[in-house]
Protein backbone atom coordinates (compact mmCIF):
# COMPACT_ATOMS: atom_id res chain seq x y z
CA UNK A 1 -47.82 -16.10 -12.17
CA UNK A 2 -47.00 -16.94 -15.41
CA UNK A 3 -44.55 -15.55 -17.64
CA UNK A 4 -47.09 -14.37 -20.17
CA UNK A 5 -48.97 -12.33 -16.94
CA UNK A 6 -45.71 -10.33 -16.36
CA UNK A 7 -44.94 -9.50 -19.43
CA UNK A 8 -48.44 -8.41 -20.05
CA UNK A 9 -48.33 -6.53 -16.55
CA UNK A 10 -45.02 -5.56 -17.22
CA UNK A 11 -44.50 -4.61 -20.89
CA UNK A 12 -40.89 -3.49 -19.88
CA UNK A 13 -39.82 -7.35 -19.42
CA UNK A 14 -40.79 -7.74 -23.46
CA UNK A 15 -37.49 -6.12 -24.66
CA UNK A 16 -34.41 -8.55 -24.82
CA UNK A 17 -31.87 -6.40 -23.63
CA UNK A 18 -33.44 -5.39 -20.80
CA UNK A 19 -34.27 -9.04 -19.51
CA UNK A 20 -30.14 -9.43 -20.47
CA UNK A 21 -29.77 -6.54 -17.79
CA UNK A 22 -32.10 -7.86 -15.41
CA UNK A 23 -30.42 -11.31 -15.17
CA UNK A 24 -26.79 -8.89 -14.58
CA UNK A 25 -28.33 -6.77 -11.84
CA UNK A 26 -29.41 -9.73 -9.76
CA UNK A 27 -26.04 -12.00 -10.36
CA UNK A 28 -23.52 -8.60 -9.77
CA UNK A 29 -25.17 -7.60 -7.07
CA UNK A 30 -25.75 -11.07 -5.61
CA UNK A 31 -21.90 -11.23 -5.96
CA UNK A 32 -21.04 -7.58 -4.13
CA UNK A 33 -23.00 -9.19 -0.96
CA UNK A 34 -20.33 -12.58 -1.06
CA UNK A 35 -17.24 -9.67 -1.12
CA UNK A 36 -18.71 -7.57 2.05
CA UNK A 37 -19.32 -10.61 4.65
CA UNK A 38 -15.80 -12.27 2.59
CA UNK A 39 -13.52 -9.50 2.58
CA UNK A 40 -13.70 -8.68 6.25
CA UNK A 41 -13.82 -12.30 7.70
CA UNK A 42 -10.85 -13.48 5.24
CA UNK A 43 -8.73 -9.86 6.45
CA UNK A 44 -10.20 -11.09 9.94
CA UNK A 45 -8.83 -14.49 9.79
CA UNK A 46 -5.83 -13.97 8.53
CA UNK A 47 -5.22 -11.18 10.39
CA UNK A 48 -6.49 -11.28 13.96
CA UNK A 49 -6.65 -7.41 13.74
CA UNK A 50 -9.30 -4.64 13.12
CA UNK A 51 -6.43 -2.36 12.34
CA UNK A 52 -5.44 -4.13 9.15
CA UNK A 53 -9.28 -4.42 8.28
CA UNK A 54 -9.33 -0.83 8.31
CA UNK A 55 -6.32 -0.91 5.92
CA UNK A 56 -7.76 -3.32 3.50
CA UNK A 57 -11.50 -1.93 3.45
CA UNK A 58 -9.41 2.01 2.94
CA UNK A 59 -8.26 0.79 -0.11
CA UNK A 60 -11.18 -1.06 -1.49
CA UNK A 61 -13.16 2.79 -1.49
CA UNK A 62 -10.30 5.15 -2.16
CA UNK A 63 -10.29 4.89 -6.08
CA UNK A 64 -14.02 6.45 -5.74
CA UNK A 65 -11.94 9.93 -4.90
CA UNK A 66 -10.73 9.20 -8.23
CA UNK A 67 -13.18 7.67 -10.78
CA UNK A 68 -16.21 9.00 -9.49
CA UNK A 69 -15.70 11.57 -11.69
CA UNK A 70 -13.96 10.00 -14.08
CA UNK A 71 -15.95 6.85 -14.48
CA UNK A 72 -19.20 9.24 -15.81
CA UNK A 73 -16.94 10.50 -18.79
CA UNK A 74 -15.64 6.84 -19.76
CA UNK A 75 -19.39 6.19 -19.48
CA UNK A 76 -20.06 8.90 -21.56
CA UNK A 77 -17.25 8.44 -24.36
CA UNK A 78 -17.96 4.46 -24.59
CA UNK A 79 -20.57 2.09 -24.80
CA UNK A 80 -21.82 1.45 -21.11
CA UNK A 81 -22.14 -2.22 -21.18
CA UNK A 82 -18.23 -2.40 -22.69
CA UNK A 83 -16.96 0.34 -19.45
CA UNK A 84 -19.24 -2.06 -17.13
CA UNK A 85 -17.67 -5.51 -18.34
CA UNK A 86 -13.70 -3.73 -17.52
CA UNK A 87 -14.63 -2.93 -14.40
CA UNK A 88 -16.51 -6.81 -13.45
CA UNK A 89 -12.83 -7.95 -14.57
CA UNK A 90 -11.41 -5.95 -12.17
CA UNK A 91 -13.72 -6.81 -9.86
CA UNK A 92 -13.38 -10.91 -10.68
CA UNK A 93 -9.30 -10.17 -10.66
CA UNK A 94 -9.36 -8.66 -7.39
CA UNK A 95 -11.86 -10.52 -5.27
CA UNK A 96 -11.22 -13.89 -6.76
CA UNK A 97 -7.34 -13.58 -6.64
CA UNK A 98 -8.32 -13.00 -3.16
CA UNK A 99 -9.78 -15.94 -2.23
CA UNK A 100 -7.75 -18.51 -4.63
CA UNK A 101 -4.60 -16.88 -2.01
CA UNK A 102 -7.18 -17.59 1.47
CA UNK A 103 -7.79 -21.55 0.15
CA UNK A 104 -4.84 -22.32 -0.96
CA UNK A 105 -2.96 -20.73 1.58
CA UNK A 106 -0.67 -23.40 4.08
CA UNK A 107 -0.11 -23.12 7.33
CA UNK A 108 3.57 -23.80 7.13
CA UNK A 109 3.74 -20.87 4.66
CA UNK A 110 1.64 -18.25 6.18
CA UNK A 111 -1.43 -16.29 4.86
CA UNK A 112 -1.28 -13.45 2.68
CA UNK A 113 0.31 -10.89 3.21
CA UNK A 114 -1.36 -7.93 3.87
CA UNK A 115 -0.17 -5.36 1.25
CA UNK A 116 -1.33 -7.97 -0.73
CA UNK A 117 -4.83 -8.21 0.06
CA UNK A 118 -4.26 -3.91 0.05
CA UNK A 119 -3.26 -4.18 -3.68
CA UNK A 120 -5.70 -6.69 -4.42
CA UNK A 121 -9.44 -4.53 -2.82
CA UNK A 122 -7.37 -1.55 -4.68
CA UNK A 123 -8.40 -3.66 -7.99
CA UNK A 124 -11.63 -4.00 -6.88
CA UNK A 125 -12.35 -0.72 -5.60
CA UNK A 126 -11.52 0.53 -9.09
CA UNK A 127 -13.50 -1.72 -10.86
CA UNK A 128 -16.23 -0.34 -8.33
CA UNK A 129 -15.71 3.05 -9.11
CA UNK A 130 -16.22 2.62 -13.04
CA UNK A 131 -19.13 -0.04 -12.83
CA UNK A 132 -21.83 2.56 -10.84
CA UNK A 133 -21.67 5.66 -13.62
CA UNK A 134 -22.02 2.97 -16.54
CA UNK A 135 -24.46 1.38 -15.01
CA UNK A 136 -26.90 4.08 -14.16
CA UNK A 137 -26.27 5.10 -17.32
CA UNK A 138 -26.60 2.31 -19.61
CA UNK A 139 -30.71 1.49 -18.62
CA UNK A 140 -31.97 4.34 -20.58
CA UNK A 141 -30.56 3.19 -24.05
CA UNK A 142 -32.13 0.12 -23.37
CA UNK A 143 -35.70 0.89 -23.15
CA UNK A 144 -38.20 3.93 -24.42
CA UNK A 145 -38.48 6.67 -22.14
CA UNK A 146 -42.40 5.89 -21.32
CA UNK A 147 -40.63 2.72 -19.81
CA UNK A 148 -37.53 3.96 -18.03
CA UNK A 149 -39.92 4.29 -14.47
CA UNK A 150 -40.73 0.38 -14.57
CA UNK A 151 -37.84 0.10 -15.90
CA UNK A 152 -35.99 1.54 -12.75
CA UNK A 153 -38.02 0.15 -10.32
CA UNK A 154 -37.60 -3.10 -11.87
CA UNK A 155 -34.30 -3.10 -11.64
CA UNK A 156 -33.56 -1.53 -7.92
CA UNK A 157 -36.02 -3.83 -6.77
CA UNK A 158 -33.66 -6.72 -8.96
CA UNK A 159 -30.77 -5.38 -7.17
CA UNK A 160 -31.34 -5.28 -4.28
CA UNK A 161 -32.84 -8.34 -3.88
CA UNK A 162 -29.76 -10.01 -5.28
CA UNK A 163 -27.30 -8.16 -2.68
CA UNK A 164 -29.71 -9.19 0.18
CA UNK A 165 -30.20 -13.08 -1.13
CA UNK A 166 -25.80 -12.83 -1.72
CA UNK A 167 -24.98 -11.46 1.73
CA UNK A 168 -27.19 -13.82 3.82
CA UNK A 169 -25.91 -16.81 1.63
CA UNK A 170 -22.61 -15.83 2.42
CA UNK A 171 -23.02 -15.86 5.63
CA UNK A 172 -23.50 -18.95 5.92
CA UNK A 173 -20.84 -19.88 3.17
CA UNK A 174 -18.41 -18.27 5.68
CA UNK A 175 -19.42 -19.90 8.75
CA UNK A 176 -19.51 -23.13 7.60
CA UNK A 177 -16.62 -22.74 4.56
CA UNK A 178 -14.72 -19.92 5.41
CA UNK A 179 -14.16 -16.47 3.71
CA UNK A 180 -11.87 -18.12 1.00
CA UNK A 181 -15.22 -19.85 -0.89
CA UNK A 182 -16.70 -16.56 -0.83
CA UNK A 183 -14.68 -14.67 -2.48
CA UNK A 184 -14.19 -17.24 -4.75
CA UNK A 185 -18.25 -16.94 -5.97
CA UNK A 186 -18.17 -13.16 -5.73
CA UNK A 187 -15.29 -13.51 -8.62
CA UNK A 188 -16.99 -16.51 -10.34
CA UNK A 189 -20.04 -14.47 -10.31
CA UNK A 190 -18.65 -11.12 -12.13
CA UNK A 191 -17.20 -13.41 -14.92
CA UNK A 192 -20.27 -14.79 -15.63
CA UNK A 193 -22.17 -11.37 -16.02
CA UNK A 194 -20.05 -10.76 -19.11
CA UNK A 195 -21.93 -12.28 -21.36
CA UNK A 196 -25.04 -11.64 -20.73
CA UNK A 197 -23.36 -8.00 -20.78
CA UNK A 198 -21.27 -8.82 -24.46
CA UNK A 199 -25.42 -9.92 -25.38
CA UNK A 200 -26.92 -6.60 -25.00
CA UNK A 201 -26.92 -4.29 -28.50
CA UNK A 202 -28.41 -1.26 -26.83
CA UNK A 203 -30.20 0.91 -29.32
CA UNK A 204 -29.27 2.46 -32.43
CA UNK A 205 -28.19 6.17 -31.35
CA UNK A 206 -25.63 3.89 -28.50
CA UNK A 207 -22.43 5.28 -29.33
CA UNK A 208 -18.85 3.21 -30.11
CA UNK A 209 -16.97 6.34 -29.11
CA UNK A 210 -17.05 10.18 -29.19
CA UNK A 211 -15.77 13.17 -31.60
CA UNK A 212 -12.57 13.91 -29.19
CA UNK A 213 -12.07 16.92 -31.55
CA UNK A 214 -15.28 18.06 -31.02
CA UNK A 215 -15.81 17.23 -27.29
CA UNK A 216 -15.97 19.64 -24.77
CA UNK A 217 -13.09 19.90 -21.93
CA UNK A 218 -13.76 17.97 -19.37
CA UNK A 219 -12.12 20.31 -16.90
CA UNK A 220 -15.00 22.89 -18.29
CA UNK A 221 -17.14 21.32 -17.67
CA UNK A 222 -16.36 20.08 -14.21
CA UNK A 223 -15.54 23.92 -13.15
CA UNK A 224 -19.11 24.89 -14.14
CA UNK A 225 -20.76 22.43 -12.19
CA UNK A 226 -18.87 22.78 -8.87
CA UNK A 227 -20.12 27.01 -8.96
CA UNK A 228 -23.74 25.01 -9.60
CA UNK A 229 -23.01 22.98 -6.64
CA UNK A 230 -21.85 25.64 -4.31
CA UNK A 231 -24.54 28.02 -5.02
CA UNK A 232 -27.63 25.76 -3.13
CA UNK A 233 -26.80 26.43 0.41
CA UNK A 234 -28.82 22.95 1.03
CA UNK A 235 -26.87 21.44 -1.16
CA UNK A 236 -23.31 21.44 -0.01
CA UNK A 237 -24.32 22.39 3.40
CA UNK A 238 -26.38 18.54 3.38
CA UNK A 239 -22.96 16.88 1.37
CA UNK A 240 -21.18 18.35 4.05
CA UNK A 241 -23.11 16.82 6.86
CA UNK A 242 -22.68 13.39 4.98
CA UNK A 243 -19.01 13.87 4.26
CA UNK A 244 -19.09 13.46 8.51
CA UNK A 245 -21.34 10.42 8.21
CA UNK A 246 -20.29 8.89 6.29
CA UNK A 247 -16.79 9.04 7.40
CA UNK A 248 -18.08 7.74 11.18
CA UNK A 249 -20.80 5.12 10.15
CA UNK A 250 -17.50 2.97 7.43
CA UNK A 251 -15.55 3.12 10.38
CA UNK A 252 -17.60 2.22 13.16
CA UNK A 253 -19.65 -0.27 11.59
CA UNK A 254 -18.33 -1.48 8.21
CA UNK A 255 -14.88 -1.68 9.57
CA UNK A 256 -16.19 -2.72 13.30
CA UNK A 257 -19.23 -4.26 12.86
CA UNK A 258 -17.63 -8.06 11.28
CA UNK A 259 -15.00 -7.43 15.20
CA UNK A 260 -17.93 -7.21 17.08
CA UNK A 261 -20.10 -10.29 15.30
CA UNK A 262 -17.03 -12.60 15.35
CA UNK A 263 -16.62 -11.44 19.59
CA UNK A 264 -19.86 -11.29 20.58
CA UNK A 265 -22.99 -12.50 17.85
CA UNK A 266 -21.80 -15.40 16.02
CA UNK A 267 -19.59 -14.55 14.09
CA UNK A 268 -19.99 -14.34 9.54
CA UNK A 269 -23.23 -15.83 9.65
CA UNK A 270 -24.86 -13.45 12.25
CA UNK A 271 -23.15 -10.48 10.12
CA UNK A 272 -24.43 -11.89 6.64
CA UNK A 273 -28.05 -11.80 8.73
CA UNK A 274 -27.57 -8.04 9.38
CA UNK A 275 -26.41 -7.02 5.84
CA UNK A 276 -29.28 -9.20 4.35
CA UNK A 277 -31.44 -6.93 6.85
CA UNK A 278 -30.33 -3.85 6.00
CA UNK A 279 -31.27 -4.44 2.15
CA UNK A 280 -34.26 -5.79 2.86
CA UNK A 281 -35.27 -2.84 4.71
CA UNK A 282 -34.09 -0.66 1.34
CA UNK A 283 -36.93 -2.88 -0.65
CA UNK A 284 -39.28 -1.89 1.95
CA UNK A 285 -38.34 1.92 1.86
CA UNK A 286 -38.90 1.21 -1.72
CA UNK A 287 -42.38 0.66 -1.38
CA UNK A 288 -43.23 2.43 1.12
CA UNK A 289 -41.97 5.48 -0.77
CA UNK A 290 -45.16 5.30 -3.18
CA UNK A 291 -47.50 6.00 -0.41
CA UNK A 292 -45.17 8.47 1.98
CA UNK A 293 -43.97 11.86 1.15
CA UNK A 294 -42.47 14.04 4.42
CA UNK A 295 -43.65 17.78 4.03
CA UNK A 296 -40.28 19.06 4.43
CA UNK A 297 -37.99 16.49 2.63
CA UNK A 298 -34.93 18.07 3.66
CA UNK A 299 -35.38 18.04 7.40
CA UNK A 300 -36.26 14.60 6.43
CA UNK A 301 -32.83 14.22 4.84
CA UNK A 302 -31.02 15.34 7.57
CA UNK A 303 -32.64 13.61 10.25
CA UNK A 304 -32.45 10.46 8.83
CA UNK A 305 -28.49 11.35 8.28
CA UNK A 306 -28.86 11.60 11.97
CA UNK A 307 -30.28 8.40 12.31
CA UNK A 308 -27.39 6.74 11.39
CA UNK A 309 -25.74 6.89 14.47
CA UNK A 310 -28.17 3.88 14.86
CA UNK A 311 -26.22 1.67 13.83
CA UNK A 312 -23.22 1.89 15.29
CA UNK A 313 -24.67 2.48 18.64
CA UNK A 314 -26.58 -0.87 18.75
CA UNK A 315 -23.21 -2.70 17.80
CA UNK A 316 -21.57 -0.87 21.13
CA UNK A 317 -24.41 -1.37 22.97
CA UNK A 318 -23.69 -5.61 21.98
CA UNK A 319 -27.74 -5.42 21.40
CA UNK A 320 -29.09 -8.75 20.49
CA UNK A 321 -28.03 -9.97 17.01
CA UNK A 322 -32.27 -9.88 16.49
CA UNK A 323 -32.44 -6.06 17.83
CA UNK A 324 -29.86 -5.33 15.63
CA UNK A 325 -31.48 -6.78 12.34
CA UNK A 326 -34.52 -5.14 13.35
CA UNK A 327 -32.60 -1.81 13.27
CA UNK A 328 -31.14 -2.46 10.47
CA UNK A 329 -33.98 -3.32 8.79
CA UNK A 330 -35.75 -0.35 10.08
CA UNK A 331 -32.86 2.41 9.13
CA UNK A 332 -33.19 0.47 5.51
CA UNK A 333 -36.76 1.78 5.24
CA UNK A 334 -35.62 5.67 6.17
CA UNK A 335 -32.59 5.89 4.07
CA UNK A 336 -34.31 4.48 0.75
CA UNK A 337 -37.28 7.25 1.45
CA UNK A 338 -34.54 9.76 2.06
CA UNK A 339 -33.26 8.95 -1.20
CA UNK A 340 -36.17 8.83 -2.78
CA UNK A 341 -36.46 12.94 -1.63
CA UNK A 342 -32.96 14.03 -2.33
CA UNK A 343 -32.80 12.97 -5.67
CA UNK A 344 -36.30 14.50 -6.26
CA UNK A 345 -34.97 17.65 -5.05
CA UNK A 346 -31.65 17.36 -6.96
CA UNK A 347 -33.67 16.72 -10.23
CA UNK A 348 -36.45 19.95 -9.60
CA UNK A 349 -33.93 22.70 -8.31
CA UNK A 350 -31.24 21.84 -10.62
CA UNK A 351 -30.71 22.77 -14.33
CA UNK A 352 -31.02 19.63 -16.52
CA UNK A 353 -27.63 20.35 -18.15
CA UNK A 354 -25.81 20.38 -14.76
CA UNK A 355 -27.55 17.59 -12.65
CA UNK A 356 -25.04 14.82 -13.87
CA UNK A 357 -22.07 16.81 -12.66
CA UNK A 358 -23.48 18.07 -9.55
CA UNK A 359 -24.24 15.00 -8.64
CA UNK A 360 -20.96 13.65 -9.46
CA UNK A 361 -20.04 16.63 -7.04
CA UNK A 362 -22.65 15.01 -4.39
CA UNK A 363 -21.39 11.56 -4.42
CA UNK A 364 -17.76 12.44 -4.10
CA UNK A 365 -18.11 15.05 -1.58
CA UNK A 366 -20.09 12.25 0.42
CA UNK A 367 -17.96 9.45 0.16
CA UNK A 368 -14.39 11.03 0.23
CA UNK A 369 -13.88 10.71 3.73
CA UNK A 370 -14.45 7.57 4.30
CA UNK A 371 -11.21 6.16 3.58
CA UNK A 372 -10.27 7.98 6.28
CA UNK A 373 -13.13 6.83 8.52
CA UNK A 374 -11.38 3.02 7.98
CA UNK A 375 -8.01 3.71 8.35
CA UNK A 376 -8.82 5.35 12.07
CA UNK A 377 -10.90 2.60 12.76
CA UNK A 378 -8.93 0.42 13.64
CA UNK A 379 -6.12 2.46 15.28
CA UNK A 380 -8.14 3.52 17.35
CA UNK A 381 -10.51 0.72 18.77
CA UNK A 382 -7.11 -1.03 19.53
CA UNK A 383 -6.17 2.36 21.61
CA UNK A 384 -9.78 3.19 23.34
CA UNK A 385 -11.82 -0.22 22.27
CA UNK A 386 -14.31 -0.87 19.78
CA UNK A 387 -17.61 0.53 21.71
CA UNK A 388 -16.29 3.65 23.27
CA UNK A 389 -15.23 3.97 19.66
CA UNK A 390 -18.47 3.28 18.14
CA UNK A 391 -19.58 5.51 20.62
CA UNK A 392 -17.76 8.48 19.69
CA UNK A 393 -18.82 7.74 15.44
CA UNK A 394 -22.21 8.44 16.78
CA UNK A 395 -21.63 11.39 18.41
CA UNK A 396 -19.87 12.29 15.63
CA UNK A 397 -22.70 11.78 12.93
CA UNK A 398 -25.38 13.17 15.19
CA UNK A 399 -23.41 16.50 16.05
CA UNK A 400 -22.32 17.15 12.02
CA UNK A 401 -26.32 16.15 11.39
CA UNK A 402 -27.36 19.02 14.05
CA UNK A 403 -24.54 21.85 12.32
CA UNK A 404 -27.14 20.88 9.52
CA UNK A 405 -29.77 21.99 11.00
CA UNK A 406 -28.67 26.20 11.03
CA UNK A 407 -28.68 27.29 7.46
CA UNK A 408 -33.20 27.83 7.96
CA UNK A 409 -34.25 26.74 4.02
CA UNK A 410 -33.44 23.32 5.22
CA UNK A 411 -35.94 23.34 8.06
CA UNK A 412 -38.26 25.36 6.08
CA UNK A 413 -37.82 23.99 2.26
CA UNK A 414 -41.26 22.38 1.94
CA UNK A 415 -41.92 19.44 -0.92
CA UNK A 416 -44.51 21.12 -3.68
CA UNK A 417 -48.40 20.68 -3.94
CA UNK A 418 -47.97 17.79 -6.77
CA UNK A 419 -45.69 15.59 -4.19
CA UNK A 420 -47.93 15.78 -1.48
CA UNK A 421 -50.92 14.67 -3.53
CA UNK A 422 -48.87 12.61 -6.30
CA UNK A 423 -46.31 10.40 -3.72
CA UNK A 424 -46.41 7.17 -6.65
CA UNK A 425 -45.06 10.20 -8.88
CA UNK A 426 -42.68 11.35 -6.78
CA UNK A 427 -41.23 7.66 -7.13
CA UNK A 428 -41.28 7.64 -10.63
CA UNK A 429 -39.25 10.74 -10.97
CA UNK A 430 -36.42 9.41 -8.42
CA UNK A 431 -36.30 6.36 -10.14
CA UNK A 432 -36.41 7.80 -13.66
CA UNK A 433 -33.79 10.29 -12.76
CA UNK A 434 -31.31 7.30 -10.62
CA UNK A 435 -31.21 5.70 -14.33
CA UNK A 436 -30.03 9.44 -15.56
CA UNK A 437 -27.75 10.95 -13.03
CA UNK A 438 -25.67 7.85 -11.24
CA UNK A 439 -27.83 7.41 -7.89
CA UNK A 440 -27.94 3.76 -6.79
CA UNK A 441 -28.27 1.90 -3.45
CA UNK A 442 -25.58 -0.94 -2.92
CA UNK A 443 -26.03 -1.81 0.26
CA UNK A 444 -25.59 -0.70 3.86
CA UNK A 445 -25.94 3.28 4.25
CA UNK A 446 -24.08 5.16 1.48
CA UNK A 447 -24.16 8.89 0.69
CA UNK A 448 -27.05 11.20 -0.27
CA UNK A 449 -27.67 11.61 -3.56
CA UNK A 450 -25.01 9.21 -4.26
CA UNK A 451 -26.97 6.53 -2.86
CA UNK A 452 -27.49 3.99 -0.45
C-alpha cells in the first residue's frame, strides 16, 4: 500500500506530529521488549537465584506506588512530551547502565552486585511510572477530536506491534549473545526517541506550565476522586480482585517464568516467544472487539481475571513451548477484550470530571501488591519449589475472582442497547478514553483499567 493511499485511508497520518509520535510508539515499546527479556536473564545469569530476580523486579515495579498519581499531575502541569523525554532518559540510564555492567563484567572481578542491579531497576521503574500518564495525555494534544479514535487505534496497534517485535528479537539476541546486549539496545532505543519527541510541536493550547497560585489542591482533588471511587461497589470490588490477581501473576509468571524457561523450555529465546505471543494476542483482541461485545461486561471482566490463572498453570505443568505460546496468545485476546469492556464501563458510569482521578486509583489499586508478589515468589519457590508456588498463585487468582462474583451488580450489570448494536462504536469509545485517561497495554497482563 502506497504512502498516498495510506494517507487517503487514514487522514491522521497526514499530521506531522502524529507521525513523529508513531515513530516513538514503535521504538519505545520495542526497546521495552528488550528490557523485559534482558533484565530477567541478566539477573539469573549473574546470580542464578530466583530470589534475587524477585528483588530486582520488585524494585522495577515499586516506584509505581509513588508515581502513578504524581506522574499524572506532572503531565497536566507541563508539556507531556517533555515529561516523556525525562522518563525515557531515566529508562535509558537504568537499562543502558545495567547492560554495560553486564557486558564489561570480568570473571575475575565478579558480576554486578545485587544492590546495584536493584538501584538501576528502581531508576528504570521510576521512568516507567512517569511515562504512562504523560504518554496518554499527549495524543489528544496532537490531533483534532474528530480524528482521535482513528489516531488511538493506529497508535495502540503500533505499540503492541513494537512490543511483540522487540520481545521476539530480544529472546533471540539473549540466546545468541547474552542479556547485556539486549539491555544496552534498550537504552539506545530509549535515547533514540528523544529527537522525535523534541521535534513534536504540539497544539497551540499546549501549556508550558500552570498558574500555581490558582491551581486546585492536589490533595483535595485526590480526596474527591477517592470518594467517587469507593461509591461504586462494582468498581472497588474488581480493583480489589485484580490487586490479588496481579500480585499472584507477577510473582508466578514474570518472576518465575524465566526460571522455568531457562530450566525446561530452551532459555531466553523461548521466553521471548512466549512474550511475543501474548503481545500478538493483544493485537488480535483489539480486532475481535470490533465485532464481539459481551452482554454482561463486568461478569466478563471478572471471569477473564480468573482465566489469568492459566499463565502460571501452563508453566507449573511445564507444557510444551508451542502450547504455552498458544495459551499466552489466547489469554492476550481475552485481556484486550476485557480492557474494552472495563474502560467503556468506567467512561459511562464515572462523571467525566472525576474519570482521570478515579482511573488513577484503579491503576494504583491494581498494581500496589505487585512488588509484594515479586518479593514473595523467589523465596517461596526456594522453599517449596517453583511449580508448587505457581500452583498456589493460580489458586489465589481463582479464589479472588470467585469472591468478586458475590456482589449481585457484577453478575447482572448489562451492556447498554447501543453496545449490543454497535460494538465498533464501543471500541472507538474505549480507544478515545484510553488516550485521555491513561489506560494502556504494555505487554503481558496488566490490571483492569490500568492496562494490559
